[in-house]
Structure formats: C-alpha cells, structure tokens
Amino acid sequence: MRIRRFAQLDSVWPAGLGRRLGAMLYDGFLVTAIWIAVTVAHMVFFRYVLGQQPEEIGTTAGDIWSLRLLLLFFVTLFFVFSWSRGGMTLGMQAWRLRVQTLDGYSLNLRQCLIRCAVAWLSLLAFGLGYLWVLFDKQRRSWPDIASNTQTVVLPKK
C-alpha cells in the first residue's frame, strides 16, 4: 500500500454530521450490492461445487458463519481499498469528503482496519460514534479518534 500526500490541505475543513450521513447512505447502497453479490456467489458455491440441495443451503452453522465472514471480509476490503487509495469511497466522493491522516496523508492498512472496526462499534451503539461529531470541537467521530485520522470536506472545483 503506497502512502501519498494529498493536495488542498489548506482549503479543507472538518466534515459535519449531515455530509457524513449522506455519504453513509450512498455507501450503504454499495455495501448492499456487495452483500448481494457475495451471497449469490456463496449460494452458487454451496449448490454447484459442494453439491448441496437448494433447501439445505444456509441450514448449518458452517454455511451461516462462512457467509457472515465473507460479507464482513468483502465490505472491509471495499473500505480499506477506498480509504487507502484515494481517501474516499464513492459515497464520500459524491459528498466531497475525504479521510486522511492529521498531517494530510492517505491512510495505512492499520488505520483503515481500526476505522472499520470502530465504525461497526459506532453503529452498534445506536450511531453514537457518529453523533459524537456534534459534541467534539474538531468534529471527530469515534472512527476518526480511534484511527488518529480526520474526515474533511473538499472545496468545490
């Protein structure tokens, strides 16, 4: 993973809750599409490679947990790839958001994985990790704080 320094560092500002939620909504559609594709591939594998009957697919703990792990893996891969490559997912691009280190660099693998893990915790806490933006003077969410990163708004071109 190649770390790069971003441009426009003087013209960005911390992202508020509204933009973050907008980007999360857009990315939610992408995550849903990823989950559908992984689920279909998983079912095809169990049906045609392992030879399970259609009514047997998804009935064992192995079927269920392998699907859950695959869903988690591919969604994590999506976010890690997006954040480490250009600092933004497709939803973040639409809302002109970028995640970066405090000194303006792209994220490393460790920071991406921490952001993903804490993002899940933030959502499990009924969104409190993202509502934290409203109370933090620097507009940081729990994933920002835990990964020592910041989510910024990019200026219009």
N, C-alpha and C. Protein backbone atom coordinates (compact mmCIF):
# COMPACT_ATOMS: atom_id res chain seq x y z
N MET A 1 0.84 -1.17 0.00
CA MET A 1 0.00 0.00 0.00
C MET A 1 0.89 1.24 0.00
N ARG A 2 0.70 2.09 -0.97
CA ARG A 2 1.53 3.28 -1.12
C ARG A 2 0.87 4.46 -0.41
N ILE A 3 1.59 5.08 0.51
CA ILE A 3 1.10 6.25 1.23
C ILE A 3 1.39 7.48 0.38
N ARG A 4 0.40 8.35 0.22
CA ARG A 4 0.61 9.55 -0.57
C ARG A 4 0.09 10.77 0.18
N ARG A 5 0.67 11.89 -0.14
CA ARG A 5 0.25 13.15 0.48
C ARG A 5 -0.81 13.79 -0.40
N PHE A 6 -1.89 14.24 0.23
CA PHE A 6 -2.98 14.86 -0.52
C PHE A 6 -2.70 16.33 -0.75
N ALA A 7 -3.35 16.88 -1.77
CA ALA A 7 -3.28 18.31 -2.07
C ALA A 7 -4.45 19.01 -1.37
N GLN A 8 -4.55 20.30 -1.51
CA GLN A 8 -5.63 21.13 -0.98
C GLN A 8 -5.74 21.05 0.53
N LEU A 9 -4.64 20.92 1.23
CA LEU A 9 -4.71 20.77 2.68
C LEU A 9 -5.16 22.04 3.39
N ASP A 10 -4.88 23.20 2.82
CA ASP A 10 -5.26 24.45 3.46
C ASP A 10 -6.71 24.83 3.22
N SER A 11 -7.34 24.20 2.24
CA SER A 11 -8.70 24.61 1.87
C SER A 11 -9.76 23.58 2.27
N VAL A 12 -9.43 22.67 3.18
CA VAL A 12 -10.39 21.68 3.65
C VAL A 12 -10.84 22.04 5.07
N TRP A 13 -11.99 21.52 5.48
CA TRP A 13 -12.47 21.76 6.83
C TRP A 13 -13.14 20.48 7.35
N PRO A 14 -13.27 20.33 8.67
CA PRO A 14 -13.85 19.11 9.23
C PRO A 14 -15.29 18.88 8.76
N ALA A 15 -15.60 17.65 8.47
CA ALA A 15 -16.93 17.29 7.97
C ALA A 15 -17.94 17.25 9.11
N GLY A 16 -19.11 17.76 8.84
CA GLY A 16 -20.20 17.72 9.80
C GLY A 16 -21.00 16.43 9.69
N LEU A 17 -21.99 16.30 10.53
CA LEU A 17 -22.78 15.08 10.59
C LEU A 17 -23.62 14.87 9.33
N GLY A 18 -24.21 15.92 8.79
CA GLY A 18 -25.09 15.79 7.63
C GLY A 18 -24.39 15.18 6.43
N ARG A 19 -23.23 15.71 6.10
CA ARG A 19 -22.47 15.17 4.96
C ARG A 19 -22.05 13.73 5.21
N ARG A 20 -21.63 13.44 6.42
CA ARG A 20 -21.21 12.08 6.75
C ARG A 20 -22.38 11.10 6.58
N LEU A 21 -23.56 11.51 7.05
CA LEU A 21 -24.73 10.63 6.91
C LEU A 21 -25.12 10.46 5.45
N GLY A 22 -25.00 11.53 4.67
CA GLY A 22 -25.28 11.42 3.24
C GLY A 22 -24.35 10.44 2.56
N ALA A 23 -23.07 10.54 2.85
CA ALA A 23 -22.09 9.62 2.28
C ALA A 23 -22.35 8.19 2.75
N MET A 24 -22.73 8.04 4.03
CA MET A 24 -23.02 6.71 4.56
C MET A 24 -24.23 6.10 3.87
N LEU A 25 -25.22 6.91 3.55
CA LEU A 25 -26.39 6.41 2.84
C LEU A 25 -26.00 5.91 1.45
N TYR A 26 -25.22 6.70 0.71
CA TYR A 26 -24.75 6.29 -0.61
C TYR A 26 -23.94 5.00 -0.51
N ASP A 27 -23.01 4.97 0.45
CA ASP A 27 -22.17 3.78 0.60
C ASP A 27 -22.98 2.58 1.07
N GLY A 28 -24.08 2.84 1.78
CA GLY A 28 -24.96 1.75 2.20
C GLY A 28 -25.53 1.00 1.00
N PHE A 29 -25.84 1.74 -0.09
CA PHE A 29 -26.32 1.09 -1.30
C PHE A 29 -25.22 0.22 -1.92
N LEU A 30 -23.98 0.72 -1.90
CA LEU A 30 -22.86 -0.07 -2.43
C LEU A 30 -22.62 -1.31 -1.59
N VAL A 31 -22.67 -1.14 -0.28
CA VAL A 31 -22.47 -2.28 0.62
C VAL A 31 -23.56 -3.33 0.39
N THR A 32 -24.79 -2.88 0.19
CA THR A 32 -25.89 -3.81 -0.10
C THR A 32 -25.62 -4.58 -1.38
N ALA A 33 -25.14 -3.90 -2.41
CA ALA A 33 -24.81 -4.57 -3.68
C ALA A 33 -23.69 -5.59 -3.48
N ILE A 34 -22.67 -5.22 -2.70
CA ILE A 34 -21.57 -6.16 -2.41
C ILE A 34 -22.12 -7.38 -1.68
N TRP A 35 -22.96 -7.15 -0.68
CA TRP A 35 -23.53 -8.26 0.08
C TRP A 35 -24.38 -9.18 -0.80
N ILE A 36 -25.15 -8.61 -1.72
CA ILE A 36 -25.96 -9.43 -2.62
C ILE A 36 -25.06 -10.29 -3.51
N ALA A 37 -24.02 -9.67 -4.09
CA ALA A 37 -23.11 -10.42 -4.96
C ALA A 37 -22.40 -11.54 -4.20
N VAL A 38 -21.93 -11.26 -2.99
CA VAL A 38 -21.24 -12.27 -2.19
C VAL A 38 -22.20 -13.39 -1.81
N THR A 39 -23.43 -13.04 -1.46
CA THR A 39 -24.42 -14.05 -1.07
C THR A 39 -24.76 -14.97 -2.25
N VAL A 40 -24.93 -14.39 -3.43
CA VAL A 40 -25.21 -15.19 -4.62
C VAL A 40 -24.04 -16.13 -4.91
N ALA A 41 -22.81 -15.60 -4.87
CA ALA A 41 -21.63 -16.43 -5.12
C ALA A 41 -21.52 -17.55 -4.08
N HIS A 42 -21.81 -17.23 -2.83
CA HIS A 42 -21.77 -18.21 -1.75
C HIS A 42 -22.79 -19.32 -2.00
N MET A 43 -24.01 -18.93 -2.37
CA MET A 43 -25.05 -19.93 -2.64
C MET A 43 -24.70 -20.79 -3.85
N VAL A 44 -24.17 -20.20 -4.89
CA VAL A 44 -23.76 -20.95 -6.08
C VAL A 44 -22.66 -21.95 -5.71
N PHE A 45 -21.70 -21.50 -4.90
CA PHE A 45 -20.62 -22.39 -4.47
C PHE A 45 -21.19 -23.59 -3.71
N PHE A 46 -22.05 -23.35 -2.75
CA PHE A 46 -22.60 -24.44 -1.95
C PHE A 46 -23.49 -25.36 -2.77
N ARG A 47 -24.18 -24.79 -3.75
CA ARG A 47 -25.10 -25.59 -4.57
C ARG A 47 -24.34 -26.41 -5.61
N TYR A 48 -23.47 -25.76 -6.38
CA TYR A 48 -22.88 -26.42 -7.55
C TYR A 48 -21.48 -26.99 -7.32
N VAL A 49 -20.76 -26.47 -6.38
CA VAL A 49 -19.42 -27.02 -6.11
C VAL A 49 -19.51 -28.07 -5.01
N LEU A 50 -20.21 -27.74 -3.93
CA LEU A 50 -20.32 -28.70 -2.83
C LEU A 50 -21.51 -29.65 -3.00
N GLY A 51 -22.40 -29.34 -3.94
CA GLY A 51 -23.50 -30.23 -4.25
C GLY A 51 -24.64 -30.27 -3.26
N GLN A 52 -24.81 -29.22 -2.49
CA GLN A 52 -25.94 -29.18 -1.55
C GLN A 52 -27.25 -28.99 -2.31
N GLN A 53 -28.29 -29.55 -1.77
CA GLN A 53 -29.62 -29.33 -2.33
C GLN A 53 -30.08 -27.92 -1.95
N PRO A 54 -30.90 -27.30 -2.78
CA PRO A 54 -31.32 -25.91 -2.50
C PRO A 54 -31.91 -25.70 -1.11
N GLU A 55 -32.70 -26.65 -0.64
CA GLU A 55 -33.33 -26.48 0.67
C GLU A 55 -32.35 -26.68 1.84
N GLU A 56 -31.15 -27.21 1.55
CA GLU A 56 -30.14 -27.42 2.59
C GLU A 56 -29.22 -26.22 2.77
N ILE A 57 -29.13 -25.37 1.75
CA ILE A 57 -28.20 -24.24 1.79
C ILE A 57 -28.60 -23.27 2.90
N GLY A 58 -27.65 -22.93 3.74
CA GLY A 58 -27.90 -21.97 4.82
C GLY A 58 -28.50 -22.57 6.07
N THR A 59 -28.50 -23.89 6.16
CA THR A 59 -29.11 -24.53 7.33
C THR A 59 -28.10 -24.98 8.38
N THR A 60 -26.81 -24.98 8.03
CA THR A 60 -25.81 -25.42 9.00
C THR A 60 -25.01 -24.22 9.51
N ALA A 61 -24.38 -24.41 10.65
CA ALA A 61 -23.56 -23.34 11.22
C ALA A 61 -22.40 -22.99 10.28
N GLY A 62 -21.85 -23.97 9.59
CA GLY A 62 -20.76 -23.70 8.64
C GLY A 62 -21.20 -22.81 7.50
N ASP A 63 -22.40 -23.09 6.98
CA ASP A 63 -22.95 -22.25 5.90
C ASP A 63 -23.14 -20.81 6.39
N ILE A 64 -23.76 -20.69 7.53
CA ILE A 64 -24.10 -19.36 8.06
C ILE A 64 -22.85 -18.57 8.40
N TRP A 65 -21.92 -19.18 9.13
CA TRP A 65 -20.72 -18.43 9.56
C TRP A 65 -19.77 -18.15 8.41
N SER A 66 -19.69 -19.04 7.44
CA SER A 66 -18.84 -18.75 6.29
C SER A 66 -19.39 -17.56 5.51
N LEU A 67 -20.70 -17.47 5.38
CA LEU A 67 -21.30 -16.31 4.69
C LEU A 67 -21.07 -15.04 5.49
N ARG A 68 -21.28 -15.08 6.78
CA ARG A 68 -21.06 -13.88 7.61
C ARG A 68 -19.62 -13.39 7.51
N LEU A 69 -18.67 -14.31 7.55
CA LEU A 69 -17.26 -13.92 7.46
C LEU A 69 -16.93 -13.35 6.08
N LEU A 70 -17.50 -13.94 5.03
CA LEU A 70 -17.28 -13.42 3.68
C LEU A 70 -17.87 -12.02 3.52
N LEU A 71 -19.07 -11.81 4.05
CA LEU A 71 -19.69 -10.48 3.97
C LEU A 71 -18.82 -9.44 4.67
N LEU A 72 -18.36 -9.77 5.86
CA LEU A 72 -17.50 -8.86 6.62
C LEU A 72 -16.19 -8.61 5.89
N PHE A 73 -15.59 -9.67 5.35
CA PHE A 73 -14.31 -9.55 4.63
C PHE A 73 -14.44 -8.61 3.43
N PHE A 74 -15.46 -8.83 2.60
CA PHE A 74 -15.56 -8.04 1.36
C PHE A 74 -15.95 -6.59 1.62
N VAL A 75 -16.75 -6.34 2.63
CA VAL A 75 -17.07 -4.95 2.96
C VAL A 75 -15.84 -4.25 3.53
N THR A 76 -15.10 -4.95 4.37
CA THR A 76 -13.86 -4.38 4.90
C THR A 76 -12.88 -4.11 3.76
N LEU A 77 -12.77 -5.04 2.83
CA LEU A 77 -11.90 -4.86 1.67
C LEU A 77 -12.30 -3.62 0.86
N PHE A 78 -13.59 -3.42 0.67
CA PHE A 78 -14.10 -2.24 -0.05
C PHE A 78 -13.64 -0.95 0.63
N PHE A 79 -13.83 -0.86 1.95
CA PHE A 79 -13.46 0.37 2.66
C PHE A 79 -11.94 0.55 2.73
N VAL A 80 -11.21 -0.52 3.01
CA VAL A 80 -9.75 -0.42 3.07
C VAL A 80 -9.19 0.03 1.73
N PHE A 81 -9.66 -0.57 0.66
CA PHE A 81 -9.19 -0.19 -0.68
C PHE A 81 -9.51 1.28 -0.96
N SER A 82 -10.73 1.69 -0.70
CA SER A 82 -11.14 3.06 -0.99
C SER A 82 -10.39 4.09 -0.16
N TRP A 83 -10.30 3.85 1.14
CA TRP A 83 -9.65 4.82 2.03
C TRP A 83 -8.14 4.89 1.81
N SER A 84 -7.51 3.76 1.54
CA SER A 84 -6.05 3.78 1.38
C SER A 84 -5.64 4.30 0.01
N ARG A 85 -6.48 4.11 -0.97
CA ARG A 85 -6.14 4.53 -2.33
C ARG A 85 -6.32 6.02 -2.54
N GLY A 86 -7.51 6.53 -2.27
CA GLY A 86 -7.77 7.94 -2.54
C GLY A 86 -8.40 8.68 -1.37
N GLY A 87 -8.56 7.99 -0.25
CA GLY A 87 -9.12 8.64 0.93
C GLY A 87 -10.63 8.75 0.90
N MET A 88 -11.27 8.14 -0.11
CA MET A 88 -12.72 8.28 -0.17
C MET A 88 -13.38 7.10 -0.88
N THR A 89 -14.58 6.81 -0.42
CA THR A 89 -15.43 5.85 -1.08
C THR A 89 -16.24 6.59 -2.14
N LEU A 90 -17.06 5.87 -2.88
CA LEU A 90 -17.89 6.53 -3.88
C LEU A 90 -18.88 7.49 -3.23
N GLY A 91 -19.46 7.08 -2.11
CA GLY A 91 -20.37 7.97 -1.38
C GLY A 91 -19.66 9.22 -0.87
N MET A 92 -18.43 9.06 -0.42
CA MET A 92 -17.65 10.21 0.06
C MET A 92 -17.32 11.14 -1.11
N GLN A 93 -17.06 10.59 -2.28
CA GLN A 93 -16.79 11.42 -3.46
C GLN A 93 -18.00 12.28 -3.78
N ALA A 94 -19.18 11.69 -3.72
CA ALA A 94 -20.41 12.43 -4.04
C ALA A 94 -20.64 13.59 -3.07
N TRP A 95 -20.22 13.42 -1.83
CA TRP A 95 -20.41 14.45 -0.81
C TRP A 95 -19.13 15.27 -0.56
N ARG A 96 -18.12 15.09 -1.43
CA ARG A 96 -16.84 15.81 -1.35
C ARG A 96 -16.16 15.63 0.01
N LEU A 97 -16.13 14.41 0.48
CA LEU A 97 -15.46 14.08 1.75
C LEU A 97 -14.21 13.26 1.47
N ARG A 98 -13.24 13.41 2.36
CA ARG A 98 -12.03 12.60 2.27
C ARG A 98 -11.57 12.29 3.69
N VAL A 99 -11.10 11.08 3.89
CA VAL A 99 -10.50 10.71 5.17
C VAL A 99 -8.99 10.72 4.95
N GLN A 100 -8.28 11.31 5.91
CA GLN A 100 -6.83 11.47 5.79
C GLN A 100 -6.21 11.46 7.18
N THR A 101 -4.90 11.31 7.21
CA THR A 101 -4.21 11.43 8.49
C THR A 101 -4.25 12.88 8.92
N LEU A 102 -3.87 13.15 10.15
CA LEU A 102 -3.91 14.52 10.65
C LEU A 102 -2.96 15.45 9.90
N ASP A 103 -1.91 14.88 9.29
CA ASP A 103 -0.98 15.70 8.53
C ASP A 103 -1.18 15.58 7.02
N GLY A 104 -2.34 15.06 6.59
CA GLY A 104 -2.72 15.11 5.19
C GLY A 104 -2.27 13.97 4.30
N TYR A 105 -2.01 12.81 4.87
CA TYR A 105 -1.59 11.65 4.07
C TYR A 105 -2.73 10.64 3.97
N SER A 106 -2.61 9.74 2.99
CA SER A 106 -3.57 8.64 2.89
C SER A 106 -3.36 7.68 4.06
N LEU A 107 -4.38 6.90 4.34
CA LEU A 107 -4.34 6.00 5.49
C LEU A 107 -3.53 4.75 5.20
N ASN A 108 -2.90 4.22 6.24
CA ASN A 108 -2.23 2.93 6.09
C ASN A 108 -3.22 1.81 6.45
N LEU A 109 -2.80 0.59 6.26
CA LEU A 109 -3.68 -0.56 6.49
C LEU A 109 -4.20 -0.60 7.92
N ARG A 110 -3.34 -0.35 8.87
CA ARG A 110 -3.73 -0.40 10.28
C ARG A 110 -4.83 0.62 10.57
N GLN A 111 -4.67 1.84 10.09
CA GLN A 111 -5.67 2.88 10.31
C GLN A 111 -7.01 2.51 9.66
N CYS A 112 -6.94 1.94 8.47
CA CYS A 112 -8.18 1.52 7.79
C CYS A 112 -8.90 0.45 8.58
N LEU A 113 -8.17 -0.54 9.08
CA LEU A 113 -8.80 -1.62 9.83
C LEU A 113 -9.37 -1.12 11.15
N ILE A 114 -8.67 -0.20 11.81
CA ILE A 114 -9.19 0.39 13.04
C ILE A 114 -10.47 1.16 12.75
N ARG A 115 -10.46 1.96 11.67
CA ARG A 115 -11.66 2.72 11.29
C ARG A 115 -12.85 1.78 11.06
N CYS A 116 -12.61 0.69 10.34
CA CYS A 116 -13.70 -0.28 10.06
C CYS A 116 -14.25 -0.87 11.35
N ALA A 117 -13.37 -1.33 12.22
CA ALA A 117 -13.81 -1.96 13.48
C ALA A 117 -14.59 -0.97 14.34
N VAL A 118 -14.07 0.23 14.47
CA VAL A 118 -14.74 1.23 15.33
C VAL A 118 -16.02 1.74 14.66
N ALA A 119 -16.07 1.74 13.34
CA ALA A 119 -17.31 2.13 12.65
C ALA A 119 -18.43 1.15 13.00
N TRP A 120 -18.13 -0.15 13.01
CA TRP A 120 -19.14 -1.13 13.40
C TRP A 120 -19.59 -0.90 14.84
N LEU A 121 -18.64 -0.63 15.74
CA LEU A 121 -18.98 -0.36 17.14
C LEU A 121 -19.84 0.90 17.25
N SER A 122 -19.50 1.91 16.45
CA SER A 122 -20.26 3.16 16.46
C SER A 122 -21.70 2.93 16.04
N LEU A 123 -21.89 2.11 15.05
CA LEU A 123 -23.24 1.81 14.58
C LEU A 123 -23.99 0.94 15.59
N LEU A 124 -23.28 -0.03 16.19
CA LEU A 124 -23.91 -0.89 17.19
C LEU A 124 -24.34 -0.11 18.43
N ALA A 125 -23.67 1.00 18.70
CA ALA A 125 -24.01 1.87 19.82
C ALA A 125 -25.10 2.87 19.39
N PHE A 126 -25.97 2.43 18.49
CA PHE A 126 -27.09 3.24 18.00
C PHE A 126 -26.63 4.54 17.35
N GLY A 127 -25.46 4.49 16.68
CA GLY A 127 -24.96 5.65 15.95
C GLY A 127 -24.24 6.67 16.80
N LEU A 128 -24.08 6.39 18.09
CA LEU A 128 -23.45 7.36 18.99
C LEU A 128 -22.04 7.74 18.53
N GLY A 129 -21.32 6.80 17.94
CA GLY A 129 -19.97 7.09 17.48
C GLY A 129 -19.94 8.14 16.39
N TYR A 130 -21.02 8.26 15.63
CA TYR A 130 -21.10 9.29 14.59
C TYR A 130 -21.76 10.56 15.12
N LEU A 131 -22.70 10.41 16.04
CA LEU A 131 -23.31 11.58 16.67
C LEU A 131 -22.27 12.36 17.49
N TRP A 132 -21.18 11.69 17.83
CA TRP A 132 -20.10 12.31 18.59
C TRP A 132 -19.57 13.56 17.87
N VAL A 133 -19.71 13.61 16.56
CA VAL A 133 -19.29 14.76 15.75
C VAL A 133 -19.95 16.04 16.26
N LEU A 134 -21.16 15.93 16.77
CA LEU A 134 -21.89 17.10 17.26
C LEU A 134 -21.30 17.66 18.55
N PHE A 135 -20.58 16.84 19.29
CA PHE A 135 -20.05 17.25 20.59
C PHE A 135 -18.55 17.52 20.58
N ASP A 136 -17.84 16.99 19.62
CA ASP A 136 -16.39 17.14 19.55
C ASP A 136 -16.05 18.48 18.88
N LYS A 137 -15.17 19.25 19.50
CA LYS A 137 -14.81 20.57 18.96
C LYS A 137 -14.16 20.47 17.58
N GLN A 138 -13.48 19.34 17.29
CA GLN A 138 -12.83 19.16 15.99
C GLN A 138 -13.69 18.34 15.03
N ARG A 139 -14.96 18.11 15.39
CA ARG A 139 -15.91 17.35 14.59
C ARG A 139 -15.40 15.94 14.24
N ARG A 140 -14.87 15.25 15.23
CA ARG A 140 -14.36 13.90 15.01
C ARG A 140 -15.39 12.87 15.45
N SER A 141 -15.48 11.80 14.70
CA SER A 141 -16.30 10.65 15.09
C SER A 141 -15.40 9.67 15.83
N TRP A 142 -16.01 8.63 16.40
CA TRP A 142 -15.19 7.62 17.07
C TRP A 142 -14.18 6.97 16.13
N PRO A 143 -14.57 6.63 14.88
CA PRO A 143 -13.55 6.07 13.98
C PRO A 143 -12.40 7.04 13.71
N ASP A 144 -12.69 8.35 13.62
CA ASP A 144 -11.62 9.34 13.44
C ASP A 144 -10.67 9.33 14.64
N ILE A 145 -11.25 9.37 15.82
CA ILE A 145 -10.44 9.44 17.05
C ILE A 145 -9.60 8.19 17.21
N ALA A 146 -10.22 7.01 17.05
CA ALA A 146 -9.50 5.75 17.28
C ALA A 146 -8.38 5.52 16.28
N SER A 147 -8.57 5.95 15.03
CA SER A 147 -7.56 5.72 13.99
C SER A 147 -6.62 6.90 13.80
N ASN A 148 -6.81 7.94 14.61
CA ASN A 148 -5.97 9.14 14.52
C ASN A 148 -6.01 9.74 13.11
N THR A 149 -7.24 9.88 12.61
CA THR A 149 -7.47 10.42 11.27
C THR A 149 -8.51 11.52 11.36
N GLN A 150 -8.81 12.13 10.24
CA GLN A 150 -9.85 13.14 10.19
C GLN A 150 -10.62 13.01 8.88
N THR A 151 -11.90 13.35 8.95
CA THR A 151 -12.75 13.36 7.76
C THR A 151 -12.99 14.82 7.42
N VAL A 152 -12.61 15.21 6.20
CA VAL A 152 -12.67 16.61 5.81
C VAL A 152 -13.56 16.80 4.59
N VAL A 153 -14.03 18.04 4.42
CA VAL A 153 -14.80 18.42 3.24
C VAL A 153 -13.83 19.06 2.26
N LEU A 154 -13.92 18.66 1.01
CA LEU A 154 -13.08 19.23 -0.05
C LEU A 154 -13.78 20.42 -0.67
N PRO A 155 -13.04 21.43 -1.08
CA PRO A 155 -13.68 22.59 -1.71
C PRO A 155 -14.23 22.22 -3.09
N LYS A 156 -15.21 23.01 -3.55
CA LYS A 156 -15.72 22.80 -4.90
C LYS A 156 -14.65 23.13 -5.90
N LYS A 157 -14.69 22.42 -7.04
CA LYS A 157 -13.65 22.67 -8.07
C LYS A 157 -13.95 23.93 -8.81
